[in-house]
Amino acid sequence: MSEPPFEVLLAALRAELAALDGDNADTIEAATTAKLAALGGLREAPTRAQVETAQALNALAAARVRTKAAGIERRLAALATAAGRGPALCYGRDGRTSL
């Protein structure tokens, strides 16, 4: 018998977290695609505990994505500085410019 659809989703979320721990973009993309497919396969309402588990896993994934993005931004800024370009001028939420 096949695994329940929500358990497939939880496994896909865990696989996505494992992929985010690595640096292989293809693995991350495949894990995200599998997660989206598992979401599409849900037909019955999950239990509250299942939803809470999925929310916690998804929050961990979001935090790891933000951490990866911040690291990439730091590396890009270091490369720009090494190339002789200053940091990019950005507008903040208050409309003021910042570096």
PDB file of N, CA and C in Angstrom:
ATOM      1  N   MET A   1       0.851  -1.183   0.000  1.00  0.00           N
ATOM      2  CA  MET A   1       0.000   0.000   0.000  1.00  0.00           C
ATOM      3  C   MET A   1       0.891   1.239   0.000  1.00  0.00           C
ATOM      4  N   SER A   2       0.437   2.283  -0.650  1.00  0.00           N
ATOM      5  CA  SER A   2       1.246   3.497  -0.761  1.00  0.00           C
ATOM      6  C   SER A   2       1.152   4.332   0.515  1.00  0.00           C
ATOM      7  N   GLU A   3       2.121   5.200   0.648  1.00  0.00           N
ATOM      8  CA  GLU A   3       2.208   6.068   1.820  1.00  0.00           C
ATOM      9  C   GLU A   3       1.092   7.115   1.768  1.00  0.00           C
ATOM     10  N   PRO A   4       0.515   7.491   2.923  1.00  0.00           N
ATOM     11  CA  PRO A   4      -0.519   8.535   2.929  1.00  0.00           C
ATOM     12  C   PRO A   4       0.019   9.836   2.329  1.00  0.00           C
ATOM     13  N   PRO A   5      -0.826  10.561   1.582  1.00  0.00           N
ATOM     14  CA  PRO A   5      -0.366  11.776   0.885  1.00  0.00           C
ATOM     15  C   PRO A   5       0.295  12.815   1.788  1.00  0.00           C
ATOM     16  N   PHE A   6      -0.211  13.001   2.996  1.00  0.00           N
ATOM     17  CA  PHE A   6       0.399  14.021   3.848  1.00  0.00           C
ATOM     18  C   PHE A   6       1.767  13.575   4.340  1.00  0.00           C
ATOM     19  N   GLU A   7       1.943  12.274   4.537  1.00  0.00           N
ATOM     20  CA  GLU A   7       3.264  11.758   4.913  1.00  0.00           C
ATOM     21  C   GLU A   7       4.252  11.942   3.768  1.00  0.00           C
ATOM     22  N   VAL A   8       3.765  11.825   2.535  1.00  0.00           N
ATOM     23  CA  VAL A   8       4.608  12.084   1.360  1.00  0.00           C
ATOM     24  C   VAL A   8       5.047  13.552   1.370  1.00  0.00           C
ATOM     25  N   LEU A   9       4.122  14.454   1.704  1.00  0.00           N
ATOM     26  CA  LEU A   9       4.450  15.882   1.782  1.00  0.00           C
ATOM     27  C   LEU A   9       5.497  16.142   2.866  1.00  0.00           C
ATOM     28  N   LEU A  10       5.315  15.544   4.037  1.00  0.00           N
ATOM     29  CA  LEU A  10       6.286  15.743   5.118  1.00  0.00           C
ATOM     30  C   LEU A  10       7.664  15.213   4.715  1.00  0.00           C
ATOM     31  N   ALA A  11       7.698  14.082   4.037  1.00  0.00           N
ATOM     32  CA  ALA A  11       8.975  13.535   3.558  1.00  0.00           C
ATOM     33  C   ALA A  11       9.601  14.479   2.535  1.00  0.00           C
ATOM     34  N   ALA A  12       8.769  15.068   1.679  1.00  0.00           N
ATOM     35  CA  ALA A  12       9.271  16.013   0.673  1.00  0.00           C
ATOM     36  C   ALA A  12       9.814  17.274   1.337  1.00  0.00           C
ATOM     37  N   LEU A  13       9.161  17.742   2.388  1.00  0.00           N
ATOM     38  CA  LEU A  13       9.658  18.911   3.125  1.00  0.00           C
ATOM     39  C   LEU A  13      11.010  18.609   3.776  1.00  0.00           C
ATOM     40  N   ARG A  14      11.133  17.415   4.344  1.00  0.00           N
ATOM     41  CA  ARG A  14      12.419  17.028   4.949  1.00  0.00           C
ATOM     42  C   ARG A  14      13.509  16.910   3.889  1.00  0.00           C
ATOM     43  N   ALA A  15      13.148  16.377   2.725  1.00  0.00           N
ATOM     44  CA  ALA A  15      14.122  16.268   1.628  1.00  0.00           C
ATOM     45  C   ALA A  15      14.548  17.653   1.147  1.00  0.00           C
ATOM     46  N   GLU A  16      13.602  18.591   1.125  1.00  0.00           N
ATOM     47  CA  GLU A  16      13.933  19.955   0.720  1.00  0.00           C
ATOM     48  C   GLU A  16      14.898  20.593   1.726  1.00  0.00           C
ATOM     49  N   LEU A  17      14.664  20.361   3.012  1.00  0.00           N
ATOM     50  CA  LEU A  17      15.579  20.880   4.036  1.00  0.00           C
ATOM     51  C   LEU A  17      16.980  20.300   3.853  1.00  0.00           C
ATOM     52  N   ALA A  18      17.055  19.014   3.593  1.00  0.00           N
ATOM     53  CA  ALA A  18      18.360  18.381   3.376  1.00  0.00           C
ATOM     54  C   ALA A  18      19.042  18.972   2.145  1.00  0.00           C
ATOM     55  N   ALA A  19      18.268  19.232   1.098  1.00  0.00           N
ATOM     56  CA  ALA A  19      18.833  19.819  -0.122  1.00  0.00           C
ATOM     57  C   ALA A  19      19.328  21.236   0.136  1.00  0.00           C
ATOM     58  N   LEU A  20      18.603  21.992   0.948  1.00  0.00           N
ATOM     59  CA  LEU A  20      19.012  23.361   1.262  1.00  0.00           C
ATOM     60  C   LEU A  20      20.306  23.393   2.073  1.00  0.00           C
ATOM     61  N   ASP A  21      20.599  22.323   2.788  1.00  0.00           N
ATOM     62  CA  ASP A  21      21.856  22.254   3.540  1.00  0.00           C
ATOM     63  C   ASP A  21      23.052  22.101   2.611  1.00  0.00           C
ATOM     64  N   GLY A  22      22.805  21.636   1.393  1.00  0.00           N
ATOM     65  CA  GLY A  22      23.879  21.484   0.415  1.00  0.00           C
ATOM     66  C   GLY A  22      23.988  22.725  -0.457  1.00  0.00           C
ATOM     67  N   ASP A  23      24.865  22.657  -1.435  1.00  0.00           N
ATOM     68  CA  ASP A  23      25.062  23.798  -2.335  1.00  0.00           C
ATOM     69  C   ASP A  23      24.739  23.454  -3.780  1.00  0.00           C
ATOM     70  N   ASN A  24      23.953  22.404  -4.011  1.00  0.00           N
ATOM     71  CA  ASN A  24      23.638  21.977  -5.363  1.00  0.00           C
ATOM     72  C   ASN A  24      22.261  22.510  -5.757  1.00  0.00           C
ATOM     73  N   ALA A  25      22.227  23.447  -6.683  1.00  0.00           N
ATOM     74  CA  ALA A  25      20.969  24.077  -7.096  1.00  0.00           C
ATOM     75  C   ALA A  25      20.019  23.070  -7.725  1.00  0.00           C
ATOM     76  N   ASP A  26      20.549  22.093  -8.479  1.00  0.00           N
ATOM     77  CA  ASP A  26      19.685  21.089  -9.109  1.00  0.00           C
ATOM     78  C   ASP A  26      18.973  20.236  -8.064  1.00  0.00           C
ATOM     79  N   THR A  27      19.667  19.894  -6.994  1.00  0.00           N
ATOM     80  CA  THR A  27      19.068  19.104  -5.919  1.00  0.00           C
ATOM     81  C   THR A  27      17.979  19.905  -5.214  1.00  0.00           C
ATOM     82  N   ILE A  28      18.239  21.175  -4.976  1.00  0.00           N
ATOM     83  CA  ILE A  28      17.240  22.038  -4.333  1.00  0.00           C
ATOM     84  C   ILE A  28      16.009  22.159  -5.225  1.00  0.00           C
ATOM     85  N   GLU A  29      16.228  22.365  -6.520  1.00  0.00           N
ATOM     86  CA  GLU A  29      15.109  22.495  -7.451  1.00  0.00           C
ATOM     87  C   GLU A  29      14.293  21.209  -7.515  1.00  0.00           C
ATOM     88  N   ALA A  30      14.956  20.062  -7.554  1.00  0.00           N
ATOM     89  CA  ALA A  30      14.246  18.782  -7.604  1.00  0.00           C
ATOM     90  C   ALA A  30      13.437  18.556  -6.329  1.00  0.00           C
ATOM     91  N   ALA A  31      14.012  18.901  -5.176  1.00  0.00           N
ATOM     92  CA  ALA A  31      13.306  18.729  -3.907  1.00  0.00           C
ATOM     93  C   ALA A  31      12.097  19.657  -3.821  1.00  0.00           C
ATOM     94  N   THR A  32      12.237  20.870  -4.317  1.00  0.00           N
ATOM     95  CA  THR A  32      11.116  21.813  -4.305  1.00  0.00           C
ATOM     96  C   THR A  32      10.012  21.348  -5.245  1.00  0.00           C
ATOM     97  N   THR A  33      10.386  20.831  -6.409  1.00  0.00           N
ATOM     98  CA  THR A  33       9.407  20.298  -7.356  1.00  0.00           C
ATOM     99  C   THR A  33       8.659  19.121  -6.736  1.00  0.00           C
ATOM    100  N   ALA A  34       9.382  18.246  -6.037  1.00  0.00           N
ATOM    101  CA  ALA A  34       8.747  17.104  -5.372  1.00  0.00           C
ATOM    102  C   ALA A  34       7.784  17.574  -4.286  1.00  0.00           C
ATOM    103  N   LYS A  35       8.167  18.634  -3.565  1.00  0.00           N
ATOM    104  CA  LYS A  35       7.287  19.180  -2.525  1.00  0.00           C
ATOM    105  C   LYS A  35       6.003  19.723  -3.141  1.00  0.00           C
ATOM    106  N   LEU A  36       6.139  20.452  -4.242  1.00  0.00           N
ATOM    107  CA  LEU A  36       4.955  21.005  -4.906  1.00  0.00           C
ATOM    108  C   LEU A  36       4.058  19.900  -5.447  1.00  0.00           C
ATOM    109  N   ALA A  37       4.656  18.827  -5.966  1.00  0.00           N
ATOM    110  CA  ALA A  37       3.870  17.690  -6.449  1.00  0.00           C
ATOM    111  C   ALA A  37       3.131  17.026  -5.290  1.00  0.00           C
ATOM    112  N   ALA A  38       3.794  16.911  -4.140  1.00  0.00           N
ATOM    113  CA  ALA A  38       3.148  16.321  -2.968  1.00  0.00           C
ATOM    114  C   ALA A  38       1.993  17.192  -2.488  1.00  0.00           C
ATOM    115  N   LEU A  39       2.168  18.508  -2.561  1.00  0.00           N
ATOM    116  CA  LEU A  39       1.070  19.419  -2.196  1.00  0.00           C
ATOM    117  C   LEU A  39      -0.123  19.222  -3.117  1.00  0.00           C
ATOM    118  N   GLY A  40       0.160  19.047  -4.408  1.00  0.00           N
ATOM    119  CA  GLY A  40      -0.913  18.833  -5.376  1.00  0.00           C
ATOM    120  C   GLY A  40      -1.623  17.510  -5.187  1.00  0.00           C
ATOM    121  N   GLY A  41      -0.972  16.556  -4.533  1.00  0.00           N
ATOM    122  CA  GLY A  41      -1.564  15.241  -4.329  1.00  0.00           C
ATOM    123  C   GLY A  41      -2.438  15.125  -3.096  1.00  0.00           C
ATOM    124  N   LEU A  42      -2.522  16.176  -2.307  1.00  0.00           N
ATOM    125  CA  LEU A  42      -3.346  16.122  -1.094  1.00  0.00           C
ATOM    126  C   LEU A  42      -4.823  16.160  -1.449  1.00  0.00           C
ATOM    127  N   ARG A  43      -5.571  15.238  -0.874  1.00  0.00           N
ATOM    128  CA  ARG A  43      -7.010  15.199  -1.142  1.00  0.00           C
ATOM    129  C   ARG A  43      -7.847  15.254   0.137  1.00  0.00           C
ATOM    130  N   GLU A  44      -7.274  14.813   1.252  1.00  0.00           N
ATOM    131  CA  GLU A  44      -8.035  14.834   2.497  1.00  0.00           C
ATOM    132  C   GLU A  44      -7.412  15.826   3.472  1.00  0.00           C
ATOM    133  N   ALA A  45      -8.221  16.237   4.421  1.00  0.00           N
ATOM    134  CA  ALA A  45      -7.753  17.215   5.403  1.00  0.00           C
ATOM    135  C   ALA A  45      -6.771  16.549   6.368  1.00  0.00           C
ATOM    136  N   PRO A  46      -5.642  17.189   6.613  1.00  0.00           N
ATOM    137  CA  PRO A  46      -4.670  16.631   7.555  1.00  0.00           C
ATOM    138  C   PRO A  46      -5.092  16.889   8.998  1.00  0.00           C
ATOM    139  N   THR A  47      -4.447  16.186   9.916  1.00  0.00           N
ATOM    140  CA  THR A  47      -4.701  16.432  11.335  1.00  0.00           C
ATOM    141  C   THR A  47      -3.970  17.710  11.756  1.00  0.00           C
ATOM    142  N   ARG A  48      -4.344  18.219  12.897  1.00  0.00           N
ATOM    143  CA  ARG A  48      -3.701  19.430  13.409  1.00  0.00           C
ATOM    144  C   ARG A  48      -2.199  19.201  13.634  1.00  0.00           C
ATOM    145  N   ALA A  49      -1.852  18.040  14.163  1.00  0.00           N
ATOM    146  CA  ALA A  49      -0.438  17.727  14.411  1.00  0.00           C
ATOM    147  C   ALA A  49       0.345  17.692  13.102  1.00  0.00           C
ATOM    148  N   GLN A  50      -0.257  17.142  12.054  1.00  0.00           N
ATOM    149  CA  GLN A  50       0.412  17.104  10.755  1.00  0.00           C
ATOM    150  C   GLN A  50       0.634  18.513  10.217  1.00  0.00           C
ATOM    151  N   VAL A  51      -0.371  19.356  10.352  1.00  0.00           N
ATOM    152  CA  VAL A  51      -0.256  20.737   9.876  1.00  0.00           C
ATOM    153  C   VAL A  51       0.834  21.477  10.655  1.00  0.00           C
ATOM    154  N   GLU A  52       0.866  21.289  11.967  1.00  0.00           N
ATOM    155  CA  GLU A  52       1.888  21.954  12.780  1.00  0.00           C
ATOM    156  C   GLU A  52       3.291  21.479  12.403  1.00  0.00           C
ATOM    157  N   THR A  53       3.435  20.188  12.130  1.00  0.00           N
ATOM    158  CA  THR A  53       4.732  19.657  11.696  1.00  0.00           C
ATOM    159  C   THR A  53       5.133  20.268  10.364  1.00  0.00           C
ATOM    160  N   ALA A  54       4.193  20.312   9.424  1.00  0.00           N
ATOM    161  CA  ALA A  54       4.478  20.888   8.105  1.00  0.00           C
ATOM    162  C   ALA A  54       4.834  22.366   8.220  1.00  0.00           C
ATOM    163  N   GLN A  55       4.120  23.098   9.073  1.00  0.00           N
ATOM    164  CA  GLN A  55       4.423  24.523   9.255  1.00  0.00           C
ATOM    165  C   GLN A  55       5.823  24.718   9.825  1.00  0.00           C
ATOM    166  N   ALA A  56       6.199  23.890  10.788  1.00  0.00           N
ATOM    167  CA  ALA A  56       7.529  24.007  11.390  1.00  0.00           C
ATOM    168  C   ALA A  56       8.616  23.698  10.361  1.00  0.00           C
ATOM    169  N   LEU A  57       8.413  22.647   9.567  1.00  0.00           N
ATOM    170  CA  LEU A  57       9.394  22.300   8.535  1.00  0.00           C
ATOM    171  C   LEU A  57       9.493  23.400   7.487  1.00  0.00           C
ATOM    172  N   ASN A  58       8.354  23.953   7.106  1.00  0.00           N
ATOM    173  CA  ASN A  58       8.346  25.021   6.105  1.00  0.00           C
ATOM    174  C   ASN A  58       9.029  26.283   6.646  1.00  0.00           C
ATOM    175  N   ALA A  59       8.828  26.582   7.923  1.00  0.00           N
ATOM    176  CA  ALA A  59       9.496  27.737   8.533  1.00  0.00           C
ATOM    177  C   ALA A  59      11.015  27.533   8.557  1.00  0.00           C
ATOM    178  N   LEU A  60      11.453  26.307   8.842  1.00  0.00           N
ATOM    179  CA  LEU A  60      12.890  26.012   8.803  1.00  0.00           C
ATOM    180  C   LEU A  60      13.442  26.201   7.399  1.00  0.00           C
ATOM    181  N   ALA A  61      12.694  25.731   6.406  1.00  0.00           N
ATOM    182  CA  ALA A  61      13.142  25.882   5.013  1.00  0.00           C
ATOM    183  C   ALA A  61      13.236  27.359   4.642  1.00  0.00           C
ATOM    184  N   ALA A  62      12.246  28.146   5.044  1.00  0.00           N
ATOM    185  CA  ALA A  62      12.264  29.581   4.733  1.00  0.00           C
ATOM    186  C   ALA A  62      13.463  30.262   5.391  1.00  0.00           C
ATOM    187  N   ALA A  63      13.763  29.887   6.628  1.00  0.00           N
ATOM    188  CA  ALA A  63      14.918  30.472   7.322  1.00  0.00           C
ATOM    189  C   ALA A  63      16.219  30.106   6.612  1.00  0.00           C
ATOM    190  N   ARG A  64      16.318  28.869   6.152  1.00  0.00           N
ATOM    191  CA  ARG A  64      17.537  28.453   5.444  1.00  0.00           C
ATOM    192  C   ARG A  64      17.675  29.171   4.112  1.00  0.00           C
ATOM    193  N   VAL A  65      16.554  29.404   3.437  1.00  0.00           N
ATOM    194  CA  VAL A  65      16.600  30.149   2.172  1.00  0.00           C
ATOM    195  C   VAL A  65      17.073  31.576   2.429  1.00  0.00           C
ATOM    196  N   ARG A  66      16.543  32.218   3.478  1.00  0.00           N
ATOM    197  CA  ARG A  66      16.974  33.582   3.807  1.00  0.00           C
ATOM    198  C   ARG A  66      18.464  33.620   4.152  1.00  0.00           C
ATOM    199  N   THR A  67      18.935  32.619   4.881  1.00  0.00           N
ATOM    200  CA  THR A  67      20.351  32.554   5.238  1.00  0.00           C
ATOM    201  C   THR A  67      21.213  32.393   3.996  1.00  0.00           C
ATOM    202  N   LYS A  68      20.793  31.513   3.083  1.00  0.00           N
ATOM    203  CA  LYS A  68      21.536  31.328   1.829  1.00  0.00           C
ATOM    204  C   LYS A  68      21.551  32.622   1.024  1.00  0.00           C
ATOM    205  N   ALA A  69      20.412  33.297   0.935  1.00  0.00           N
ATOM    206  CA  ALA A  69      20.333  34.544   0.169  1.00  0.00           C
ATOM    207  C   ALA A  69      21.246  35.612   0.772  1.00  0.00           C
ATOM    208  N   ALA A  70      21.271  35.705   2.099  1.00  0.00           N
ATOM    209  CA  ALA A  70      22.144  36.687   2.752  1.00  0.00           C
ATOM    210  C   ALA A  70      23.612  36.372   2.473  1.00  0.00           C
ATOM    211  N   GLY A  71      23.966  35.108   2.489  1.00  0.00           N
ATOM    212  CA  GLY A  71      25.343  34.718   2.186  1.00  0.00           C
ATOM    213  C   GLY A  71      25.730  35.064   0.759  1.00  0.00           C
ATOM    214  N   ILE A  72      24.802  34.852  -0.152  1.00  0.00           N
ATOM    215  CA  ILE A  72      25.057  35.190  -1.558  1.00  0.00           C
ATOM    216  C   ILE A  72      25.225  36.695  -1.716  1.00  0.00           C
ATOM    217  N   GLU A  73      24.374  37.473  -1.032  1.00  0.00           N
ATOM    218  CA  GLU A  73      24.493  38.932  -1.095  1.00  0.00           C
ATOM    219  C   GLU A  73      25.851  39.391  -0.568  1.00  0.00           C
ATOM    220  N   ARG A  74      26.315  38.783   0.526  1.00  0.00           N
ATOM    221  CA  ARG A  74      27.632  39.144   1.078  1.00  0.00           C
ATOM    222  C   ARG A  74      28.743  38.817   0.084  1.00  0.00           C
ATOM    223  N   ARG A  75      28.656  37.650  -0.543  1.00  0.00           N
ATOM    224  CA  ARG A  75      29.687  37.268  -1.520  1.00  0.00           C
ATOM    225  C   ARG A  75      29.684  38.201  -2.718  1.00  0.00           C
ATOM    226  N   LEU A  76      28.491  38.565  -3.191  1.00  0.00           N
ATOM    227  CA  LEU A  76      28.405  39.487  -4.329  1.00  0.00           C
ATOM    228  C   LEU A  76      28.965  40.858  -3.970  1.00  0.00           C
ATOM    229  N   ALA A  77      28.680  41.327  -2.763  1.00  0.00           N
ATOM    230  CA  ALA A  77      29.220  42.620  -2.324  1.00  0.00           C
ATOM    231  C   ALA A  77      30.742  42.561  -2.237  1.00  0.00           C
ATOM    232  N   ALA A  78      31.278  41.444  -1.746  1.00  0.00           N
ATOM    233  CA  ALA A  78      32.734  41.295  -1.660  1.00  0.00           C
ATOM    234  C   ALA A  78      33.355  41.273  -3.051  1.00  0.00           C
ATOM    235  N   LEU A  79      32.704  40.600  -3.988  1.00  0.00           N
ATOM    236  CA  LEU A  79      33.212  40.565  -5.365  1.00  0.00           C
ATOM    237  C   LEU A  79      33.174  41.950  -5.997  1.00  0.00           C
ATOM    238  N   ALA A  80      32.087  42.692  -5.759  1.00  0.00           N
ATOM    239  CA  ALA A  80      31.980  44.041  -6.318  1.00  0.00           C
ATOM    240  C   ALA A  80      33.067  44.943  -5.749  1.00  0.00           C
ATOM    241  N   THR A  81      33.322  44.828  -4.462  1.00  0.00           N
ATOM    242  CA  THR A  81      34.374  45.625  -3.831  1.00  0.00           C
ATOM    243  C   THR A  81      35.742  45.244  -4.390  1.00  0.00           C
ATOM    244  N   ALA A  82      35.976  43.953  -4.562  1.00  0.00           N
ATOM    245  CA  ALA A  82      37.256  43.489  -5.108  1.00  0.00           C
ATOM    246  C   ALA A  82      37.452  43.954  -6.543  1.00  0.00           C
ATOM    247  N   ALA A  83      36.350  44.138  -7.266  1.00  0.00           N
ATOM    248  CA  ALA A  83      36.431  44.595  -8.651  1.00  0.00           C
ATOM    249  C   ALA A  83      36.564  46.114  -8.737  1.00  0.00           C
ATOM    250  N   GLY A  84      36.561  46.796  -7.597  1.00  0.00           N
ATOM    251  CA  GLY A  84      36.740  48.241  -7.589  1.00  0.00           C
ATOM    252  C   GLY A  84      35.445  49.024  -7.628  1.00  0.00           C
ATOM    253  N   ARG A  85      34.328  48.348  -7.498  1.00  0.00           N
ATOM    254  CA  ARG A  85      33.034  49.037  -7.462  1.00  0.00           C
ATOM    255  C   ARG A  85      32.570  49.131  -6.017  1.00  0.00           C
ATOM    256  N   GLY A  86      32.006  50.257  -5.675  1.00  0.00           N
ATOM    257  CA  GLY A  86      31.468  50.429  -4.331  1.00  0.00           C
ATOM    258  C   GLY A  86      30.149  49.694  -4.192  1.00  0.00           C
ATOM    259  N   PRO A  87      29.629  49.664  -2.990  1.00  0.00           N
ATOM    260  CA  PRO A  87      28.338  49.007  -2.790  1.00  0.00           C
ATOM    261  C   PRO A  87      27.236  49.730  -3.556  1.00  0.00           C
ATOM    262  N   ALA A  88      26.227  48.974  -3.943  1.00  0.00           N
ATOM    263  CA  ALA A  88      25.110  49.541  -4.700  1.00  0.00           C
ATOM    264  C   ALA A  88      24.289  50.464  -3.808  1.00  0.00           C
ATOM    265  N   LEU A  89      23.828  51.545  -4.387  1.00  0.00           N
ATOM    266  CA  LEU A  89      22.976  52.494  -3.688  1.00  0.00           C
ATOM    267  C   LEU A  89      21.562  51.931  -3.688  1.00  0.00           C
ATOM    268  N   CYS A  90      20.948  51.843  -2.511  1.00  0.00           N
ATOM    269  CA  CYS A  90      19.613  51.263  -2.390  1.00  0.00           C
ATOM    270  C   CYS A  90      18.688  52.241  -1.678  1.00  0.00           C
ATOM    271  N   TYR A  91      17.420  52.148  -2.007  1.00  0.00           N
ATOM    272  CA  TYR A  91      16.412  52.940  -1.318  1.00  0.00           C
ATOM    273  C   TYR A  91      15.761  52.076  -0.252  1.00  0.00           C
ATOM    274  N   GLY A  92      15.688  52.599   0.962  1.00  0.00           N
ATOM    275  CA  GLY A  92      15.056  51.872   2.052  1.00  0.00           C
ATOM    276  C   GLY A  92      13.559  52.079   2.050  1.00  0.00           C
ATOM    277  N   ARG A  93      12.898  51.457   2.985  1.00  0.00           N
ATOM    278  CA  ARG A  93      11.439  51.568   3.089  1.00  0.00           C
ATOM    279  C   ARG A  93      10.993  52.987   3.411  1.00  0.00           C
ATOM    280  N   ASP A  94      11.880  53.740   4.072  1.00  0.00           N
ATOM    281  CA  ASP A  94      11.525  55.111   4.429  1.00  0.00           C
ATOM    282  C   ASP A  94      11.813  56.092   3.294  1.00  0.00           C
ATOM    283  N   GLY A  95      12.279  55.580   2.141  1.00  0.00           N
ATOM    284  CA  GLY A  95      12.547  56.435   0.996  1.00  0.00           C
ATOM    285  C   GLY A  95      13.936  57.026   0.982  1.00  0.00           C
ATOM    286  N   ARG A  96      14.698  56.793   2.028  1.00  0.00           N
ATOM    287  CA  ARG A  96      16.067  57.305   2.095  1.00  0.00           C
ATOM    288  C   ARG A  96      17.020  56.325   1.437  1.00  0.00           C
ATOM    289  N   THR A  97      18.112  56.865   0.977  1.00  0.00           N
ATOM    290  CA  THR A  97      19.110  55.996   0.360  1.00  0.00           C
ATOM    291  C   THR A  97      20.025  55.423   1.425  1.00  0.00           C
ATOM    292  N   SER A  98      20.518  54.241   1.150  1.00  0.00           N
ATOM    293  CA  SER A  98      21.471  53.607   2.053  1.00  0.00           C
ATOM    294  C   SER A  98      22.495  52.852   1.225  1.00  0.00           C
ATOM    295  N   LEU A  99      23.603  52.551   1.822  1.00  0.00           N
ATOM    296  CA  LEU A  99      24.651  51.786   1.140  1.00  0.00           C
ATOM    297  C   LEU A  99      24.667  50.376   1.633  1.00  0.00           C
TER     298      LEU A  99
END
